[in-house]
Amino acid sequence: TISRDNAKSTVYLQMNNLKPEDTAVY
């Protein structure tokens, strides 16, 4: 899930149920 908090100038990526194929530089 991607979300943003403009007041904090921050973007998030919540990653659940991670799999080995998710391995990468983000």
mmCIF file of all heavy atoms, coordinates in Angstrom:
data_MODEL
# 
_entry.id   MODEL 
# 
loop_
_atom_site.group_PDB 
_atom_site.id 
_atom_site.type_symbol 
_atom_site.label_atom_id 
_atom_site.label_alt_id 
_atom_site.label_comp_id 
_atom_site.label_asym_id 
_atom_site.label_entity_id 
_atom_site.label_seq_id 
_atom_site.pdbx_PDB_ins_code 
_atom_site.Cartn_x 
_atom_site.Cartn_y 
_atom_site.Cartn_z 
_atom_site.occupancy 
_atom_site.B_iso_or_equiv 
_atom_site.pdbx_formal_charge 
_atom_site.auth_seq_id 
_atom_site.auth_comp_id 
_atom_site.auth_asym_id 
_atom_site.auth_atom_id 
_atom_site.pdbx_PDB_model_num 
ATOM 1   N N   . THR A 1 1  ? 0.838  -1.188  0.000  1.00 0.00 ? 1  THR A N   1 
ATOM 2   C CA  . THR A 1 1  ? 0.000  0.000   0.000  1.00 0.00 ? 1  THR A CA  1 
ATOM 3   C C   . THR A 1 1  ? 0.877  1.242   0.000  1.00 0.00 ? 1  THR A C   1 
ATOM 4   O O   . THR A 1 1  ? 1.801  1.351   0.813  1.00 0.00 ? 1  THR A O   1 
ATOM 5   C CB  . THR A 1 1  ? -0.926 0.035   1.229  1.00 0.00 ? 1  THR A CB  1 
ATOM 6   O OG1 . THR A 1 1  ? -1.732 -1.138  1.265  1.00 0.00 ? 1  THR A OG1 1 
ATOM 7   C CG2 . THR A 1 1  ? -1.833 1.262   1.176  1.00 0.00 ? 1  THR A CG2 1 
ATOM 8   N N   . ILE A 1 2  ? 0.592  2.175   -0.905 1.00 0.00 ? 2  ILE A N   1 
ATOM 9   C CA  . ILE A 1 2  ? 1.307  3.437   -0.944 1.00 0.00 ? 2  ILE A CA  1 
ATOM 10  C C   . ILE A 1 2  ? 0.427  4.524   -0.335 1.00 0.00 ? 2  ILE A C   1 
ATOM 11  O O   . ILE A 1 2  ? -0.797 4.529   -0.514 1.00 0.00 ? 2  ILE A O   1 
ATOM 12  C CB  . ILE A 1 2  ? 1.723  3.807   -2.383 1.00 0.00 ? 2  ILE A CB  1 
ATOM 13  C CG1 . ILE A 1 2  ? 2.648  5.031   -2.386 1.00 0.00 ? 2  ILE A CG1 1 
ATOM 14  C CG2 . ILE A 1 2  ? 0.511  4.019   -3.276 1.00 0.00 ? 2  ILE A CG2 1 
ATOM 15  C CD1 . ILE A 1 2  ? 3.281  5.315   -3.746 1.00 0.00 ? 2  ILE A CD1 1 
ATOM 16  N N   . SER A 1 3  ? 1.041  5.432   0.388  1.00 0.00 ? 3  SER A N   1 
ATOM 17  C CA  . SER A 1 3  ? 0.319  6.543   0.992  1.00 0.00 ? 3  SER A CA  1 
ATOM 18  C C   . SER A 1 3  ? 1.248  7.745   1.084  1.00 0.00 ? 3  SER A C   1 
ATOM 19  O O   . SER A 1 3  ? 2.466  7.623   0.914  1.00 0.00 ? 3  SER A O   1 
ATOM 20  C CB  . SER A 1 3  ? -0.228 6.166   2.374  1.00 0.00 ? 3  SER A CB  1 
ATOM 21  O OG  . SER A 1 3  ? 0.826  5.848   3.263  1.00 0.00 ? 3  SER A OG  1 
ATOM 22  N N   . ARG A 1 4  ? 0.660  8.902   1.345  1.00 0.00 ? 4  ARG A N   1 
ATOM 23  C CA  . ARG A 1 4  ? 1.471  10.110  1.481  1.00 0.00 ? 4  ARG A CA  1 
ATOM 24  C C   . ARG A 1 4  ? 0.928  10.979  2.596  1.00 0.00 ? 4  ARG A C   1 
ATOM 25  O O   . ARG A 1 4  ? -0.277 11.009  2.864  1.00 0.00 ? 4  ARG A O   1 
ATOM 26  C CB  . ARG A 1 4  ? 1.535  10.891  0.158  1.00 0.00 ? 4  ARG A CB  1 
ATOM 27  C CG  . ARG A 1 4  ? 0.214  11.477  -0.308 1.00 0.00 ? 4  ARG A CG  1 
ATOM 28  C CD  . ARG A 1 4  ? 0.306  11.948  -1.768 1.00 0.00 ? 4  ARG A CD  1 
ATOM 29  N NE  . ARG A 1 4  ? 1.303  12.985  -1.954 1.00 0.00 ? 4  ARG A NE  1 
ATOM 30  C CZ  . ARG A 1 4  ? 1.804  13.346  -3.136 1.00 0.00 ? 4  ARG A CZ  1 
ATOM 31  N NH1 . ARG A 1 4  ? 1.404  12.720  -4.245 1.00 0.00 ? 4  ARG A NH1 1 
ATOM 32  N NH2 . ARG A 1 4  ? 2.708  14.315  -3.214 1.00 0.00 ? 4  ARG A NH2 1 
ATOM 33  N N   . ASP A 1 5  ? 1.835  11.696  3.234  1.00 0.00 ? 5  ASP A N   1 
ATOM 34  C CA  . ASP A 1 5  ? 1.508  12.660  4.260  1.00 0.00 ? 5  ASP A CA  1 
ATOM 35  C C   . ASP A 1 5  ? 2.165  13.963  3.837  1.00 0.00 ? 5  ASP A C   1 
ATOM 36  O O   . ASP A 1 5  ? 3.350  14.183  4.095  1.00 0.00 ? 5  ASP A O   1 
ATOM 37  C CB  . ASP A 1 5  ? 2.002  12.201  5.630  1.00 0.00 ? 5  ASP A CB  1 
ATOM 38  C CG  . ASP A 1 5  ? 1.565  13.107  6.757  1.00 0.00 ? 5  ASP A CG  1 
ATOM 39  O OD1 . ASP A 1 5  ? 1.221  14.284  6.495  1.00 0.00 ? 5  ASP A OD1 1 
ATOM 40  O OD2 . ASP A 1 5  ? 1.557  12.663  7.915  1.00 0.00 ? 5  ASP A OD2 1 
ATOM 41  N N   . ASN A 1 6  ? 1.406  14.809  3.168  1.00 0.00 ? 6  ASN A N   1 
ATOM 42  C CA  . ASN A 1 6  ? 1.975  16.038  2.629  1.00 0.00 ? 6  ASN A CA  1 
ATOM 43  C C   . ASN A 1 6  ? 2.449  16.989  3.725  1.00 0.00 ? 6  ASN A C   1 
ATOM 44  O O   . ASN A 1 6  ? 3.409  17.735  3.529  1.00 0.00 ? 6  ASN A O   1 
ATOM 45  C CB  . ASN A 1 6  ? 0.957  16.738  1.733  1.00 0.00 ? 6  ASN A CB  1 
ATOM 46  C CG  . ASN A 1 6  ? 0.699  15.989  0.447  1.00 0.00 ? 6  ASN A CG  1 
ATOM 47  O OD1 . ASN A 1 6  ? 1.557  15.275  -0.053 1.00 0.00 ? 6  ASN A OD1 1 
ATOM 48  N ND2 . ASN A 1 6  ? -0.501 16.152  -0.099 1.00 0.00 ? 6  ASN A ND2 1 
ATOM 49  N N   . ALA A 1 7  ? 1.787  16.971  4.869  1.00 0.00 ? 7  ALA A N   1 
ATOM 50  C CA  . ALA A 1 7  ? 2.204  17.826  5.970  1.00 0.00 ? 7  ALA A CA  1 
ATOM 51  C C   . ALA A 1 7  ? 3.597  17.465  6.456  1.00 0.00 ? 7  ALA A C   1 
ATOM 52  O O   . ALA A 1 7  ? 4.337  18.330  6.932  1.00 0.00 ? 7  ALA A O   1 
ATOM 53  C CB  . ALA A 1 7  ? 1.202  17.746  7.117  1.00 0.00 ? 7  ALA A CB  1 
ATOM 54  N N   . LYS A 1 8  ? 3.962  16.192  6.349  1.00 0.00 ? 8  LYS A N   1 
ATOM 55  C CA  . LYS A 1 8  ? 5.288  15.732  6.750  1.00 0.00 ? 8  LYS A CA  1 
ATOM 56  C C   . LYS A 1 8  ? 6.233  15.565  5.571  1.00 0.00 ? 8  LYS A C   1 
ATOM 57  O O   . LYS A 1 8  ? 7.378  15.127  5.760  1.00 0.00 ? 8  LYS A O   1 
ATOM 58  C CB  . LYS A 1 8  ? 5.186  14.408  7.505  1.00 0.00 ? 8  LYS A CB  1 
ATOM 59  C CG  . LYS A 1 8  ? 4.448  14.499  8.823  1.00 0.00 ? 8  LYS A CG  1 
ATOM 60  C CD  . LYS A 1 8  ? 4.457  13.165  9.551  1.00 0.00 ? 8  LYS A CD  1 
ATOM 61  C CE  . LYS A 1 8  ? 3.784  13.281  10.909 1.00 0.00 ? 8  LYS A CE  1 
ATOM 62  N NZ  . LYS A 1 8  ? 3.797  11.987  11.637 1.00 0.00 ? 8  LYS A NZ  1 
ATOM 63  N N   . SER A 1 9  ? 5.767  15.887  4.369  1.00 0.00 ? 9  SER A N   1 
ATOM 64  C CA  . SER A 1 9  ? 6.560  15.739  3.149  1.00 0.00 ? 9  SER A CA  1 
ATOM 65  C C   . SER A 1 9  ? 7.143  14.334  3.038  1.00 0.00 ? 9  SER A C   1 
ATOM 66  O O   . SER A 1 9  ? 8.335  14.159  2.727  1.00 0.00 ? 9  SER A O   1 
ATOM 67  C CB  . SER A 1 9  ? 7.673  16.794  3.099  1.00 0.00 ? 9  SER A CB  1 
ATOM 68  O OG  . SER A 1 9  ? 7.138  18.097  3.029  1.00 0.00 ? 9  SER A OG  1 
ATOM 69  N N   . THR A 1 10 ? 6.307  13.339  3.276  1.00 0.00 ? 10 THR A N   1 
ATOM 70  C CA  . THR A 1 10 ? 6.764  11.958  3.324  1.00 0.00 ? 10 THR A CA  1 
ATOM 71  C C   . THR A 1 10 ? 5.794  11.050  2.577  1.00 0.00 ? 10 THR A C   1 
ATOM 72  O O   . THR A 1 10 ? 4.579  11.232  2.656  1.00 0.00 ? 10 THR A O   1 
ATOM 73  C CB  . THR A 1 10 ? 6.908  11.472  4.774  1.00 0.00 ? 10 THR A CB  1 
ATOM 74  O OG1 . THR A 1 10 ? 7.826  12.329  5.466  1.00 0.00 ? 10 THR A OG1 1 
ATOM 75  C CG2 . THR A 1 10 ? 7.427  10.049  4.821  1.00 0.00 ? 10 THR A CG2 1 
ATOM 76  N N   . VAL A 1 11 ? 6.348  10.079  1.864  1.00 0.00 ? 11 VAL A N   1 
ATOM 77  C CA  . VAL A 1 11 ? 5.595  9.039   1.184  1.00 0.00 ? 11 VAL A CA  1 
ATOM 78  C C   . VAL A 1 11 ? 5.993  7.702   1.787  1.00 0.00 ? 11 VAL A C   1 
ATOM 79  O O   . VAL A 1 11 ? 7.162  7.485   2.114  1.00 0.00 ? 11 VAL A O   1 
ATOM 80  C CB  . VAL A 1 11 ? 5.864  9.059   -0.330 1.00 0.00 ? 11 VAL A CB  1 
ATOM 81  C CG1 . VAL A 1 11 ? 5.107  7.942   -1.031 1.00 0.00 ? 11 VAL A CG1 1 
ATOM 82  C CG2 . VAL A 1 11 ? 5.463  10.394  -0.919 1.00 0.00 ? 11 VAL A CG2 1 
ATOM 83  N N   . TYR A 1 12 ? 5.012  6.815   1.921  1.00 0.00 ? 12 TYR A N   1 
ATOM 84  C CA  . TYR A 1 12 ? 5.243  5.527   2.550  1.00 0.00 ? 12 TYR A CA  1 
ATOM 85  C C   . TYR A 1 12 ? 4.897  4.387   1.600  1.00 0.00 ? 12 TYR A C   1 
ATOM 86  O O   . TYR A 1 12 ? 4.057  4.526   0.709  1.00 0.00 ? 12 TYR A O   1 
ATOM 87  C CB  . TYR A 1 12 ? 4.393  5.374   3.814  1.00 0.00 ? 12 TYR A CB  1 
ATOM 88  C CG  . TYR A 1 12 ? 4.597  6.465   4.830  1.00 0.00 ? 12 TYR A CG  1 
ATOM 89  C CD1 . TYR A 1 12 ? 3.746  7.565   4.876  1.00 0.00 ? 12 TYR A CD1 1 
ATOM 90  C CD2 . TYR A 1 12 ? 5.640  6.401   5.747  1.00 0.00 ? 12 TYR A CD2 1 
ATOM 91  C CE1 . TYR A 1 12 ? 3.928  8.568   5.810  1.00 0.00 ? 12 TYR A CE1 1 
ATOM 92  C CE2 . TYR A 1 12 ? 5.830  7.402   6.675  1.00 0.00 ? 12 TYR A CE2 1 
ATOM 93  C CZ  . TYR A 1 12 ? 4.968  8.480   6.707  1.00 0.00 ? 12 TYR A CZ  1 
ATOM 94  O OH  . TYR A 1 12 ? 5.156  9.474   7.636  1.00 0.00 ? 12 TYR A OH  1 
ATOM 95  N N   . LEU A 1 13 ? 5.546  3.265   1.821  1.00 0.00 ? 13 LEU A N   1 
ATOM 96  C CA  . LEU A 1 13 ? 5.176  2.024   1.168  1.00 0.00 ? 13 LEU A CA  1 
ATOM 97  C C   . LEU A 1 13 ? 5.092  0.947   2.238  1.00 0.00 ? 13 LEU A C   1 
ATOM 98  O O   . LEU A 1 13 ? 6.116  0.517   2.772  1.00 0.00 ? 13 LEU A O   1 
ATOM 99  C CB  . LEU A 1 13 ? 6.183  1.626   0.087  1.00 0.00 ? 13 LEU A CB  1 
ATOM 100 C CG  . LEU A 1 13 ? 5.812  0.378   -0.725 1.00 0.00 ? 13 LEU A CG  1 
ATOM 101 C CD1 . LEU A 1 13 ? 4.581  0.646   -1.586 1.00 0.00 ? 13 LEU A CD1 1 
ATOM 102 C CD2 . LEU A 1 13 ? 6.980  -0.081  -1.592 1.00 0.00 ? 13 LEU A CD2 1 
ATOM 103 N N   . GLN A 1 14 ? 3.872  0.549   2.568  1.00 0.00 ? 14 GLN A N   1 
ATOM 104 C CA  . GLN A 1 14 ? 3.654  -0.527  3.518  1.00 0.00 ? 14 GLN A CA  1 
ATOM 105 C C   . GLN A 1 14 ? 3.679  -1.842  2.764  1.00 0.00 ? 14 GLN A C   1 
ATOM 106 O O   . GLN A 1 14 ? 2.882  -2.052  1.847  1.00 0.00 ? 14 GLN A O   1 
ATOM 107 C CB  . GLN A 1 14 ? 2.316  -0.357  4.234  1.00 0.00 ? 14 GLN A CB  1 
ATOM 108 C CG  . GLN A 1 14 ? 2.001  -1.460  5.232  1.00 0.00 ? 14 GLN A CG  1 
ATOM 109 C CD  . GLN A 1 14 ? 2.950  -1.472  6.407  1.00 0.00 ? 14 GLN A CD  1 
ATOM 110 O OE1 . GLN A 1 14 ? 3.218  -0.428  6.992  1.00 0.00 ? 14 GLN A OE1 1 
ATOM 111 N NE2 . GLN A 1 14 ? 3.470  -2.647  6.741  1.00 0.00 ? 14 GLN A NE2 1 
ATOM 112 N N   . MET A 1 15 ? 4.585  -2.726  3.138  1.00 0.00 ? 15 MET A N   1 
ATOM 113 C CA  . MET A 1 15 ? 4.782  -3.992  2.453  1.00 0.00 ? 15 MET A CA  1 
ATOM 114 C C   . MET A 1 15 ? 4.467  -5.124  3.421  1.00 0.00 ? 15 MET A C   1 
ATOM 115 O O   . MET A 1 15 ? 5.146  -5.285  4.438  1.00 0.00 ? 15 MET A O   1 
ATOM 116 C CB  . MET A 1 15 ? 6.214  -4.121  1.929  1.00 0.00 ? 15 MET A CB  1 
ATOM 117 C CG  . MET A 1 15 ? 6.651  -2.960  1.045  1.00 0.00 ? 15 MET A CG  1 
ATOM 118 S SD  . MET A 1 15 ? 8.287  -3.227  0.294  1.00 0.00 ? 15 MET A SD  1 
ATOM 119 C CE  . MET A 1 15 ? 9.302  -3.233  1.773  1.00 0.00 ? 15 MET A CE  1 
ATOM 120 N N   . ASN A 1 16 ? 3.446  -5.896  3.096  1.00 0.00 ? 16 ASN A N   1 
ATOM 121 C CA  . ASN A 1 16 ? 3.030  -7.026  3.913  1.00 0.00 ? 16 ASN A CA  1 
ATOM 122 C C   . ASN A 1 16 ? 3.180  -8.323  3.136  1.00 0.00 ? 16 ASN A C   1 
ATOM 123 O O   . ASN A 1 16 ? 3.213  -8.329  1.906  1.00 0.00 ? 16 ASN A O   1 
ATOM 124 C CB  . ASN A 1 16 ? 1.575  -6.862  4.354  1.00 0.00 ? 16 ASN A CB  1 
ATOM 125 C CG  . ASN A 1 16 ? 1.347  -5.642  5.216  1.00 0.00 ? 16 ASN A CG  1 
ATOM 126 O OD1 . ASN A 1 16 ? 2.206  -5.253  6.006  1.00 0.00 ? 16 ASN A OD1 1 
ATOM 127 N ND2 . ASN A 1 16 ? 0.169  -5.031  5.072  1.00 0.00 ? 16 ASN A ND2 1 
ATOM 128 N N   . ASN A 1 17 ? 3.239  -9.424  3.863  1.00 0.00 ? 17 ASN A N   1 
ATOM 129 C CA  . ASN A 1 17 ? 3.368  -10.750 3.258  1.00 0.00 ? 17 ASN A CA  1 
ATOM 130 C C   . ASN A 1 17 ? 4.483  -10.776 2.217  1.00 0.00 ? 17 ASN A C   1 
ATOM 131 O O   . ASN A 1 17 ? 4.290  -11.190 1.079  1.00 0.00 ? 17 ASN A O   1 
ATOM 132 C CB  . ASN A 1 17 ? 2.042  -11.178 2.639  1.00 0.00 ? 17 ASN A CB  1 
ATOM 133 C CG  . ASN A 1 17 ? 2.025  -12.637 2.238  1.00 0.00 ? 17 ASN A CG  1 
ATOM 134 O OD1 . ASN A 1 17 ? 2.779  -13.452 2.772  1.00 0.00 ? 17 ASN A OD1 1 
ATOM 135 N ND2 . ASN A 1 17 ? 1.174  -12.983 1.282  1.00 0.00 ? 17 ASN A ND2 1 
ATOM 136 N N   . LEU A 1 18 ? 5.648  -10.342 2.627  1.00 0.00 ? 18 LEU A N   1 
ATOM 137 C CA  . LEU A 1 18 ? 6.768  -10.244 1.702  1.00 0.00 ? 18 LEU A CA  1 
ATOM 138 C C   . LEU A 1 18 ? 7.211  -11.611 1.208  1.00 0.00 ? 18 LEU A C   1 
ATOM 139 O O   . LEU A 1 18 ? 7.176  -12.601 1.942  1.00 0.00 ? 18 LEU A O   1 
ATOM 140 C CB  . LEU A 1 18 ? 7.931  -9.520  2.368  1.00 0.00 ? 18 LEU A CB  1 
ATOM 141 C CG  . LEU A 1 18 ? 7.743  -8.001  2.458  1.00 0.00 ? 18 LEU A CG  1 
ATOM 142 C CD1 . LEU A 1 18 ? 8.640  -7.412  3.530  1.00 0.00 ? 18 LEU A CD1 1 
ATOM 143 C CD2 . LEU A 1 18 ? 8.027  -7.358  1.108  1.00 0.00 ? 18 LEU A CD2 1 
ATOM 144 N N   . LYS A 1 19 ? 7.646  -11.633 -0.049 1.00 0.00 ? 19 LYS A N   1 
ATOM 145 C CA  . LYS A 1 19 ? 8.100  -12.840 -0.711 1.00 0.00 ? 19 LYS A CA  1 
ATOM 146 C C   . LYS A 1 19 ? 9.540  -12.669 -1.164 1.00 0.00 ? 19 LYS A C   1 
ATOM 147 O O   . LYS A 1 19 ? 9.996  -11.545 -1.370 1.00 0.00 ? 19 LYS A O   1 
ATOM 148 C CB  . LYS A 1 19 ? 7.216  -13.148 -1.923 1.00 0.00 ? 19 LYS A CB  1 
ATOM 149 C CG  . LYS A 1 19 ? 5.741  -13.307 -1.597 1.00 0.00 ? 19 LYS A CG  1 
ATOM 150 C CD  . LYS A 1 19 ? 4.924  -13.512 -2.857 1.00 0.00 ? 19 LYS A CD  1 
ATOM 151 C CE  . LYS A 1 19 ? 3.454  -13.689 -2.532 1.00 0.00 ? 19 LYS A CE  1 
ATOM 152 N NZ  . LYS A 1 19 ? 2.645  -13.902 -3.760 1.00 0.00 ? 19 LYS A NZ  1 
ATOM 153 N N   . PRO A 1 20 ? 10.276 -13.763 -1.344 1.00 0.00 ? 20 PRO A N   1 
ATOM 154 C CA  . PRO A 1 20 ? 11.662 -13.639 -1.812 1.00 0.00 ? 20 PRO A CA  1 
ATOM 155 C C   . PRO A 1 20 ? 11.798 -12.846 -3.103 1.00 0.00 ? 20 PRO A C   1 
ATOM 156 O O   . PRO A 1 20 ? 12.797 -12.129 -3.278 1.00 0.00 ? 20 PRO A O   1 
ATOM 157 C CB  . PRO A 1 20 ? 12.102 -15.091 -1.997 1.00 0.00 ? 20 PRO A CB  1 
ATOM 158 C CG  . PRO A 1 20 ? 11.287 -15.842 -1.004 1.00 0.00 ? 20 PRO A CG  1 
ATOM 159 C CD  . PRO A 1 20 ? 9.946  -15.151 -0.989 1.00 0.00 ? 20 PRO A CD  1 
ATOM 160 N N   . GLU A 1 21 ? 10.825 -12.943 -3.994 1.00 0.00 ? 21 GLU A N   1 
ATOM 161 C CA  . GLU A 1 21 ? 10.885 -12.202 -5.245 1.00 0.00 ? 21 GLU A CA  1 
ATOM 162 C C   . GLU A 1 21 ? 10.705 -10.701 -5.076 1.00 0.00 ? 21 GLU A C   1 
ATOM 163 O O   . GLU A 1 21 ? 10.867 -9.943  -6.040 1.00 0.00 ? 21 GLU A O   1 
ATOM 164 C CB  . GLU A 1 21 ? 9.860  -12.739 -6.256 1.00 0.00 ? 21 GLU A CB  1 
ATOM 165 C CG  . GLU A 1 21 ? 8.452  -12.840 -5.691 1.00 0.00 ? 21 GLU A CG  1 
ATOM 166 C CD  . GLU A 1 21 ? 8.114  -14.235 -5.212 1.00 0.00 ? 21 GLU A CD  1 
ATOM 167 O OE1 . GLU A 1 21 ? 8.959  -14.865 -4.545 1.00 0.00 ? 21 GLU A OE1 1 
ATOM 168 O OE2 . GLU A 1 21 ? 6.993  -14.714 -5.504 1.00 0.00 ? 21 GLU A OE2 1 
ATOM 169 N N   . ASP A 1 22 ? 10.367 -10.249 -3.871 1.00 0.00 ? 22 ASP A N   1 
ATOM 170 C CA  . ASP A 1 22 ? 10.309 -8.823  -3.584 1.00 0.00 ? 22 ASP A CA  1 
ATOM 171 C C   . ASP A 1 22 ? 11.682 -8.234  -3.294 1.00 0.00 ? 22 ASP A C   1 
ATOM 172 O O   . ASP A 1 22 ? 11.807 -7.010  -3.150 1.00 0.00 ? 22 ASP A O   1 
ATOM 173 C CB  . ASP A 1 22 ? 9.392  -8.543  -2.393 1.00 0.00 ? 22 ASP A CB  1 
ATOM 174 C CG  . ASP A 1 22 ? 7.948  -8.913  -2.659 1.00 0.00 ? 22 ASP A CG  1 
ATOM 175 O OD1 . ASP A 1 22 ? 7.454  -8.657  -3.779 1.00 0.00 ? 22 ASP A OD1 1 
ATOM 176 O OD2 . ASP A 1 22 ? 7.297  -9.449  -1.738 1.00 0.00 ? 22 ASP A OD2 1 
ATOM 177 N N   . THR A 1 23 ? 12.691 -9.073  -3.177 1.00 0.00 ? 23 THR A N   1 
ATOM 178 C CA  . THR A 1 23 ? 14.040 -8.599  -2.894 1.00 0.00 ? 23 THR A CA  1 
ATOM 179 C C   . THR A 1 23 ? 14.525 -7.675  -3.999 1.00 0.00 ? 23 THR A C   1 
ATOM 180 O O   . THR A 1 23 ? 14.523 -8.035  -5.178 1.00 0.00 ? 23 THR A O   1 
ATOM 181 C CB  . THR A 1 23 ? 15.001 -9.781  -2.740 1.00 0.00 ? 23 THR A CB  1 
ATOM 182 O OG1 . THR A 1 23 ? 14.612 -10.569 -1.614 1.00 0.00 ? 23 THR A OG1 1 
ATOM 183 C CG2 . THR A 1 23 ? 16.428 -9.291  -2.541 1.00 0.00 ? 23 THR A CG2 1 
ATOM 184 N N   . ALA A 1 24 ? 14.932 -6.464  -3.619 1.00 0.00 ? 24 ALA A N   1 
ATOM 185 C CA  . ALA A 1 24 ? 15.371 -5.464  -4.585 1.00 0.00 ? 24 ALA A CA  1 
ATOM 186 C C   . ALA A 1 24 ? 15.805 -4.219  -3.835 1.00 0.00 ? 24 ALA A C   1 
ATOM 187 O O   . ALA A 1 24 ? 15.590 -4.094  -2.624 1.00 0.00 ? 24 ALA A O   1 
ATOM 188 C CB  . ALA A 1 24 ? 14.241 -5.107  -5.565 1.00 0.00 ? 24 ALA A CB  1 
ATOM 189 N N   . VAL A 1 25 ? 16.407 -3.301  -4.562 1.00 0.00 ? 25 VAL A N   1 
ATOM 190 C CA  . VAL A 1 25 ? 16.607 -1.948  -4.069 1.00 0.00 ? 25 VAL A CA  1 
ATOM 191 C C   . VAL A 1 25 ? 15.364 -1.145  -4.421 1.00 0.00 ? 25 VAL A C   1 
ATOM 192 O O   . VAL A 1 25 ? 14.957 -1.097  -5.586 1.00 0.00 ? 25 VAL A O   1 
ATOM 193 C CB  . VAL A 1 25 ? 17.860 -1.294  -4.663 1.00 0.00 ? 25 VAL A CB  1 
ATOM 194 C CG1 . VAL A 1 25 ? 17.964 0.164   -4.235 1.00 0.00 ? 25 VAL A CG1 1 
ATOM 195 C CG2 . VAL A 1 25 ? 19.106 -2.053  -4.238 1.00 0.00 ? 25 VAL A CG2 1 
ATOM 196 N N   . TYR A 1 26 ? 14.771 -0.526  -3.431 1.00 0.00 ? 26 TYR A N   1 
ATOM 197 C CA  . TYR A 1 26 ? 13.554 0.248   -3.630 1.00 0.00 ? 26 TYR A CA  1 
ATOM 198 C C   . TYR A 1 26 ? 13.899 1.730   -3.675 1.00 0.00 ? 26 TYR A C   1 
ATOM 199 O O   . TYR A 1 26 ? 14.596 2.238   -2.795 1.00 0.00 ? 26 TYR A O   1 
ATOM 200 C CB  . TYR A 1 26 ? 12.544 -0.038  -2.515 1.00 0.00 ? 26 TYR A CB  1 
ATOM 201 C CG  . TYR A 1 26 ? 11.866 -1.374  -2.674 1.00 0.00 ? 26 TYR A CG  1 
ATOM 202 C CD1 . TYR A 1 26 ? 12.562 -2.554  -2.439 1.00 0.00 ? 26 TYR A CD1 1 
ATOM 203 C CD2 . TYR A 1 26 ? 10.537 -1.457  -3.084 1.00 0.00 ? 26 TYR A CD2 1 
ATOM 204 C CE1 . TYR A 1 26 ? 11.948 -3.781  -2.614 1.00 0.00 ? 26 TYR A CE1 1 
ATOM 205 C CE2 . TYR A 1 26 ? 9.920  -2.680  -3.255 1.00 0.00 ? 26 TYR A CE2 1 
ATOM 206 C CZ  . TYR A 1 26 ? 10.627 -3.839  -3.016 1.00 0.00 ? 26 TYR A CZ  1 
ATOM 207 O OH  . TYR A 1 26 ? 10.012 -5.055  -3.190 1.00 0.00 ? 26 TYR A OH  1 
# 
